[in-house]
């Protein structure tokens, strides 16, 4: 039986049509999407560019998995 988190991750990849992207990048997007959706539900569903801006993919920020807003 598959882990519930794996099922949710696979559904996220399918819903956002991310099959062509690397799993690590998709995982980062999944975590950020779920984290920020707790503060503003539905916001990232209507603005895909915002999620792209949050998901930094750079060697300089390789350990940063999101952003913090005050």
PDB file of N, CA and C in Angstrom:
ATOM      1  N   UNK A   1       0.837  -1.180   0.000  1.00  0.00           N
ATOM      2  CA  UNK A   1       0.000   0.000   0.000  1.00  0.00           C
ATOM      3  C   UNK A   1       0.883   1.245   0.000  1.00  0.00           C
ATOM      4  N   UNK A   2       0.518   2.194  -0.814  1.00  0.00           N
ATOM      5  CA  UNK A   2       1.321   3.416  -0.925  1.00  0.00           C
ATOM      6  C   UNK A   2       1.057   4.365   0.236  1.00  0.00           C
ATOM      7  N   UNK A   3       2.057   5.093   0.567  1.00  0.00           N
ATOM      8  CA  UNK A   3       1.993   6.112   1.596  1.00  0.00           C
ATOM      9  C   UNK A   3       1.041   7.227   1.150  1.00  0.00           C
ATOM     10  N   UNK A   4       0.248   7.745   2.066  1.00  0.00           N
ATOM     11  CA  UNK A   4      -0.699   8.817   1.747  1.00  0.00           C
ATOM     12  C   UNK A   4       0.019  10.039   1.192  1.00  0.00           C
ATOM     13  N   UNK A   5       1.186  10.358   1.717  1.00  0.00           N
ATOM     14  CA  UNK A   5       1.952  11.511   1.239  1.00  0.00           C
ATOM     15  C   UNK A   5       2.392  11.310  -0.213  1.00  0.00           C
ATOM     16  N   UNK A   6       2.789  10.099  -0.570  1.00  0.00           N
ATOM     17  CA  UNK A   6       3.169   9.803  -1.954  1.00  0.00           C
ATOM     18  C   UNK A   6       1.984   9.986  -2.895  1.00  0.00           C
ATOM     19  N   UNK A   7       0.819   9.572  -2.457  1.00  0.00           N
ATOM     20  CA  UNK A   7      -0.388   9.710  -3.272  1.00  0.00           C
ATOM     21  C   UNK A   7      -0.710  11.195  -3.479  1.00  0.00           C
ATOM     22  N   UNK A   8      -0.625  11.983  -2.420  1.00  0.00           N
ATOM     23  CA  UNK A   8      -0.894  13.421  -2.534  1.00  0.00           C
ATOM     24  C   UNK A   8       0.142  14.094  -3.435  1.00  0.00           C
ATOM     25  N   UNK A   9       1.404  13.690  -3.311  1.00  0.00           N
ATOM     26  CA  UNK A   9       2.461  14.252  -4.152  1.00  0.00           C
ATOM     27  C   UNK A   9       2.206  13.922  -5.627  1.00  0.00           C
ATOM     28  N   UNK A  10       1.886  12.676  -5.914  1.00  0.00           N
ATOM     29  CA  UNK A  10       1.609  12.273  -7.299  1.00  0.00           C
ATOM     30  C   UNK A  10       0.422  13.029  -7.871  1.00  0.00           C
ATOM     31  N   UNK A  11      -0.617  13.255  -7.057  1.00  0.00           N
ATOM     32  CA  UNK A  11      -1.788  14.010  -7.503  1.00  0.00           C
ATOM     33  C   UNK A  11      -1.411  15.448  -7.789  1.00  0.00           C
ATOM     34  N   UNK A  12      -0.559  16.036  -6.944  1.00  0.00           N
ATOM     35  CA  UNK A  12      -0.081  17.403  -7.145  1.00  0.00           C
ATOM     36  C   UNK A  12       0.666  17.520  -8.471  1.00  0.00           C
ATOM     37  N   UNK A  13       1.580  16.586  -8.725  1.00  0.00           N
ATOM     38  CA  UNK A  13       2.352  16.594  -9.977  1.00  0.00           C
ATOM     39  C   UNK A  13       1.423  16.484 -11.175  1.00  0.00           C
ATOM     40  N   UNK A  14       0.430  15.637 -11.066  1.00  0.00           N
ATOM     41  CA  UNK A  14      -0.532  15.468 -12.155  1.00  0.00           C
ATOM     42  C   UNK A  14      -1.401  16.721 -12.335  1.00  0.00           C
ATOM     43  N   UNK A  15      -1.904  17.270 -11.239  1.00  0.00           N
ATOM     44  CA  UNK A  15      -2.778  18.448 -11.308  1.00  0.00           C
ATOM     45  C   UNK A  15      -2.079  19.664 -11.894  1.00  0.00           C
ATOM     46  N   UNK A  16      -0.800  19.832 -11.577  1.00  0.00           N
ATOM     47  CA  UNK A  16      -0.041  20.983 -12.053  1.00  0.00           C
ATOM     48  C   UNK A  16       0.779  20.671 -13.311  1.00  0.00           C
ATOM     49  N   UNK A  17       0.576  19.463 -13.865  1.00  0.00           N
ATOM     50  CA  UNK A  17       1.233  19.056 -15.108  1.00  0.00           C
ATOM     51  C   UNK A  17       2.758  19.220 -15.017  1.00  0.00           C
ATOM     52  N   UNK A  18       3.340  18.617 -13.996  1.00  0.00           N
ATOM     53  CA  UNK A  18       4.776  18.754 -13.730  1.00  0.00           C
ATOM     54  C   UNK A  18       5.562  17.475 -14.026  1.00  0.00           C
ATOM     55  N   UNK A  19       5.004  16.580 -14.808  1.00  0.00           N
ATOM     56  CA  UNK A  19       5.633  15.293 -15.068  1.00  0.00           C
ATOM     57  C   UNK A  19       7.019  15.428 -15.699  1.00  0.00           C
ATOM     58  N   UNK A  20       7.267  16.467 -16.440  1.00  0.00           N
ATOM     59  CA  UNK A  20       8.546  16.646 -17.134  1.00  0.00           C
ATOM     60  C   UNK A  20       9.641  17.230 -16.237  1.00  0.00           C
ATOM     61  N   UNK A  21       9.275  17.713 -15.074  1.00  0.00           N
ATOM     62  CA  UNK A  21      10.260  18.324 -14.177  1.00  0.00           C
ATOM     63  C   UNK A  21      10.888  17.265 -13.274  1.00  0.00           C
ATOM     64  N   UNK A  22      12.022  17.608 -12.709  1.00  0.00           N
ATOM     65  CA  UNK A  22      12.730  16.701 -11.803  1.00  0.00           C
ATOM     66  C   UNK A  22      11.922  16.492 -10.522  1.00  0.00           C
ATOM     67  N   UNK A  23      12.014  15.289  -9.966  1.00  0.00           N
ATOM     68  CA  UNK A  23      11.254  14.971  -8.758  1.00  0.00           C
ATOM     69  C   UNK A  23      11.634  15.885  -7.595  1.00  0.00           C
ATOM     70  N   UNK A  24      12.904  16.204  -7.478  1.00  0.00           N
ATOM     71  CA  UNK A  24      13.354  17.078  -6.383  1.00  0.00           C
ATOM     72  C   UNK A  24      12.719  18.466  -6.496  1.00  0.00           C
ATOM     73  N   UNK A  25      12.671  19.001  -7.699  1.00  0.00           N
ATOM     74  CA  UNK A  25      12.041  20.303  -7.918  1.00  0.00           C
ATOM     75  C   UNK A  25      10.534  20.224  -7.649  1.00  0.00           C
ATOM     76  N   UNK A  26       9.915  19.128  -8.063  1.00  0.00           N
ATOM     77  CA  UNK A  26       8.484  18.954  -7.815  1.00  0.00           C
ATOM     78  C   UNK A  26       8.202  18.830  -6.323  1.00  0.00           C
ATOM     79  N   UNK A  27       9.070  18.144  -5.614  1.00  0.00           N
ATOM     80  CA  UNK A  27       8.897  18.008  -4.175  1.00  0.00           C
ATOM     81  C   UNK A  27       8.958  19.387  -3.496  1.00  0.00           C
ATOM     82  N   UNK A  28       9.917  20.229  -3.909  1.00  0.00           N
ATOM     83  CA  UNK A  28      10.061  21.579  -3.371  1.00  0.00           C
ATOM     84  C   UNK A  28       8.778  22.371  -3.617  1.00  0.00           C
ATOM     85  N   UNK A  29       8.240  22.272  -4.826  1.00  0.00           N
ATOM     86  CA  UNK A  29       7.000  22.967  -5.166  1.00  0.00           C
ATOM     87  C   UNK A  29       5.847  22.443  -4.304  1.00  0.00           C
ATOM     88  N   UNK A  30       5.778  21.141  -4.121  1.00  0.00           N
ATOM     89  CA  UNK A  30       4.716  20.518  -3.330  1.00  0.00           C
ATOM     90  C   UNK A  30       4.747  21.015  -1.884  1.00  0.00           C
ATOM     91  N   UNK A  31       5.934  21.030  -1.281  1.00  0.00           N
ATOM     92  CA  UNK A  31       6.075  21.479   0.104  1.00  0.00           C
ATOM     93  C   UNK A  31       5.707  22.955   0.222  1.00  0.00           C
ATOM     94  N   UNK A  32       6.236  23.784  -0.663  1.00  0.00           N
ATOM     95  CA  UNK A  32       5.920  25.214  -0.616  1.00  0.00           C
ATOM     96  C   UNK A  32       4.438  25.463  -0.842  1.00  0.00           C
ATOM     97  N   UNK A  33       3.849  24.770  -1.797  1.00  0.00           N
ATOM     98  CA  UNK A  33       2.426  24.928  -2.084  1.00  0.00           C
ATOM     99  C   UNK A  33       1.597  24.617  -0.840  1.00  0.00           C
ATOM    100  N   UNK A  34       1.876  23.516  -0.200  1.00  0.00           N
ATOM    101  CA  UNK A  34       1.098  23.125   0.979  1.00  0.00           C
ATOM    102  C   UNK A  34       1.351  24.041   2.166  1.00  0.00           C
ATOM    103  N   UNK A  35       2.573  24.492   2.336  1.00  0.00           N
ATOM    104  CA  UNK A  35       2.895  25.399   3.437  1.00  0.00           C
ATOM    105  C   UNK A  35       2.178  26.730   3.272  1.00  0.00           C
ATOM    106  N   UNK A  36       2.340  27.356   2.112  1.00  0.00           N
ATOM    107  CA  UNK A  36       1.755  28.678   1.905  1.00  0.00           C
ATOM    108  C   UNK A  36       0.244  28.636   1.749  1.00  0.00           C
ATOM    109  N   UNK A  37      -0.300  27.513   1.350  1.00  0.00           N
ATOM    110  CA  UNK A  37      -1.756  27.378   1.248  1.00  0.00           C
ATOM    111  C   UNK A  37      -2.422  27.402   2.619  1.00  0.00           C
ATOM    112  N   UNK A  38      -1.661  27.146   3.670  1.00  0.00           N
ATOM    113  CA  UNK A  38      -2.203  27.237   5.020  1.00  0.00           C
ATOM    114  C   UNK A  38      -2.516  28.680   5.399  1.00  0.00           C
ATOM    115  N   UNK A  39      -1.775  29.635   4.823  1.00  0.00           N
ATOM    116  CA  UNK A  39      -1.950  31.052   5.140  1.00  0.00           C
ATOM    117  C   UNK A  39      -2.962  31.728   4.223  1.00  0.00           C
ATOM    118  N   UNK A  40      -2.940  31.369   2.936  1.00  0.00           N
ATOM    119  CA  UNK A  40      -3.863  31.945   1.963  1.00  0.00           C
ATOM    120  C   UNK A  40      -4.383  30.834   1.057  1.00  0.00           C
ATOM    121  N   UNK A  41      -5.389  30.107   1.519  1.00  0.00           N
ATOM    122  CA  UNK A  41      -5.921  29.009   0.709  1.00  0.00           C
ATOM    123  C   UNK A  41      -6.389  29.489  -0.670  1.00  0.00           C
ATOM    124  N   UNK A  42      -6.002  28.744  -1.696  1.00  0.00           N
ATOM    125  CA  UNK A  42      -6.426  29.055  -3.056  1.00  0.00           C
ATOM    126  C   UNK A  42      -5.584  30.088  -3.772  1.00  0.00           C
ATOM    127  N   UNK A  43      -4.738  30.812  -3.062  1.00  0.00           N
ATOM    128  CA  UNK A  43      -3.934  31.894  -3.678  1.00  0.00           C
ATOM    129  C   UNK A  43      -3.001  31.340  -4.751  1.00  0.00           C
ATOM    130  N   UNK A  44      -2.326  30.244  -4.467  1.00  0.00           N
ATOM    131  CA  UNK A  44      -1.373  29.686  -5.426  1.00  0.00           C
ATOM    132  C   UNK A  44      -2.078  28.956  -6.565  1.00  0.00           C
ATOM    133  N   UNK A  45      -3.349  28.632  -6.388  1.00  0.00           N
ATOM    134  CA  UNK A  45      -4.120  28.010  -7.471  1.00  0.00           C
ATOM    135  C   UNK A  45      -4.437  29.020  -8.565  1.00  0.00           C
ATOM    136  N   UNK A  46      -4.520  30.285  -8.197  1.00  0.00           N
ATOM    137  CA  UNK A  46      -4.882  31.325  -9.163  1.00  0.00           C
ATOM    138  C   UNK A  46      -3.679  32.080  -9.712  1.00  0.00           C
ATOM    139  N   UNK A  47      -2.507  31.884  -9.120  1.00  0.00           N
ATOM    140  CA  UNK A  47      -1.306  32.602  -9.562  1.00  0.00           C
ATOM    141  C   UNK A  47      -0.114  31.647  -9.613  1.00  0.00           C
ATOM    142  N   UNK A  48       0.021  30.917 -10.717  1.00  0.00           N
ATOM    143  CA  UNK A  48       1.101  29.940 -10.856  1.00  0.00           C
ATOM    144  C   UNK A  48       2.470  30.604 -10.859  1.00  0.00           C
ATOM    145  N   UNK A  49       2.561  31.834 -11.329  1.00  0.00           N
ATOM    146  CA  UNK A  49       3.845  32.537 -11.347  1.00  0.00           C
ATOM    147  C   UNK A  49       4.358  32.794  -9.935  1.00  0.00           C
ATOM    148  N   UNK A  50       3.459  33.006  -9.002  1.00  0.00           N
ATOM    149  CA  UNK A  50       3.869  33.221  -7.618  1.00  0.00           C
ATOM    150  C   UNK A  50       4.564  31.988  -7.071  1.00  0.00           C
ATOM    151  N   UNK A  51       4.036  30.820  -7.354  1.00  0.00           N
ATOM    152  CA  UNK A  51       4.674  29.579  -6.906  1.00  0.00           C
ATOM    153  C   UNK A  51       6.048  29.426  -7.547  1.00  0.00           C
ATOM    154  N   UNK A  52       6.190  29.801  -8.806  1.00  0.00           N
ATOM    155  CA  UNK A  52       7.501  29.757  -9.471  1.00  0.00           C
ATOM    156  C   UNK A  52       8.490  30.694  -8.784  1.00  0.00           C
ATOM    157  N   UNK A  53       8.040  31.847  -8.338  1.00  0.00           N
ATOM    158  CA  UNK A  53       8.917  32.809  -7.669  1.00  0.00           C
ATOM    159  C   UNK A  53       9.340  32.317  -6.288  1.00  0.00           C
ATOM    160  N   UNK A  54       8.462  31.615  -5.619  1.00  0.00           N
ATOM    161  CA  UNK A  54       8.768  31.096  -4.280  1.00  0.00           C
ATOM    162  C   UNK A  54       9.761  29.942  -4.354  1.00  0.00           C
ATOM    163  N   UNK A  55       9.645  29.124  -5.388  1.00  0.00           N
ATOM    164  CA  UNK A  55      10.473  27.922  -5.521  1.00  0.00           C
ATOM    165  C   UNK A  55      11.799  28.259  -6.182  1.00  0.00           C
ATOM    166  N   UNK A  56      12.741  28.692  -5.388  1.00  0.00           N
ATOM    167  CA  UNK A  56      14.054  29.089  -5.875  1.00  0.00           C
ATOM    168  C   UNK A  56      14.857  27.829  -6.188  1.00  0.00           C
ATOM    169  N   UNK A  57      15.418  27.757  -7.392  1.00  0.00           N
ATOM    170  CA  UNK A  57      16.239  26.609  -7.785  1.00  0.00           C
ATOM    171  C   UNK A  57      17.595  27.140  -8.219  1.00  0.00           C
ATOM    172  N   UNK A  58      18.489  27.268  -7.262  1.00  0.00           N
ATOM    173  CA  UNK A  58      19.785  27.879  -7.508  1.00  0.00           C
ATOM    174  C   UNK A  58      20.833  27.224  -6.616  1.00  0.00           C
ATOM    175  N   UNK A  59      22.059  27.131  -7.099  1.00  0.00           N
ATOM    176  CA  UNK A  59      23.140  26.589  -6.271  1.00  0.00           C
ATOM    177  C   UNK A  59      23.393  27.475  -5.057  1.00  0.00           C
ATOM    178  N   UNK A  60      23.237  28.778  -5.248  1.00  0.00           N
ATOM    179  CA  UNK A  60      23.463  29.722  -4.164  1.00  0.00           C
ATOM    180  C   UNK A  60      22.462  29.507  -3.022  1.00  0.00           C
ATOM    181  N   UNK A  61      21.236  29.137  -3.375  1.00  0.00           N
ATOM    182  CA  UNK A  61      20.183  28.956  -2.385  1.00  0.00           C
ATOM    183  C   UNK A  61      19.713  27.503  -2.342  1.00  0.00           C
ATOM    184  N   UNK A  62      20.640  26.574  -2.482  1.00  0.00           N
ATOM    185  CA  UNK A  62      20.266  25.169  -2.596  1.00  0.00           C
ATOM    186  C   UNK A  62      19.598  24.618  -1.341  1.00  0.00           C
ATOM    187  N   UNK A  63      19.839  25.217  -0.195  1.00  0.00           N
ATOM    188  CA  UNK A  63      19.224  24.738   1.041  1.00  0.00           C
ATOM    189  C   UNK A  63      17.991  25.545   1.435  1.00  0.00           C
ATOM    190  N   UNK A  64      17.641  26.547   0.647  1.00  0.00           N
ATOM    191  CA  UNK A  64      16.445  27.335   0.912  1.00  0.00           C
ATOM    192  C   UNK A  64      15.284  26.685   0.187  1.00  0.00           C
ATOM    193  N   UNK A  65      14.234  26.348   0.902  1.00  0.00           N
ATOM    194  CA  UNK A  65      13.103  25.651   0.308  1.00  0.00           C
ATOM    195  C   UNK A  65      11.841  26.494   0.295  1.00  0.00           C
ATOM    196  N   UNK A  66      11.973  27.768   0.463  1.00  0.00           N
ATOM    197  CA  UNK A  66      10.798  28.624   0.463  1.00  0.00           C
ATOM    198  C   UNK A  66      11.189  30.030   0.871  1.00  0.00           C
ATOM    199  N   UNK A  67      10.213  30.790   1.227  1.00  0.00           N
ATOM    200  CA  UNK A  67      10.450  32.171   1.635  1.00  0.00           C
ATOM    201  C   UNK A  67       9.625  32.448   2.882  1.00  0.00           C
ATOM    202  N   UNK A  68       9.984  33.483   3.584  1.00  0.00           N
ATOM    203  CA  UNK A  68       9.255  33.847   4.786  1.00  0.00           C
ATOM    204  C   UNK A  68       8.802  35.288   4.624  1.00  0.00           C
ATOM    205  N   UNK A  69       7.533  35.519   4.833  1.00  0.00           N
ATOM    206  CA  UNK A  69       6.971  36.857   4.707  1.00  0.00           C
ATOM    207  C   UNK A  69       6.428  37.288   6.059  1.00  0.00           C
ATOM    208  N   UNK A  70       6.777  38.504   6.474  1.00  0.00           N
ATOM    209  CA  UNK A  70       6.253  39.058   7.741  1.00  0.00           C
ATOM    210  C   UNK A  70       5.132  40.019   7.454  1.00  0.00           C
TER     211      UNK A  70
END
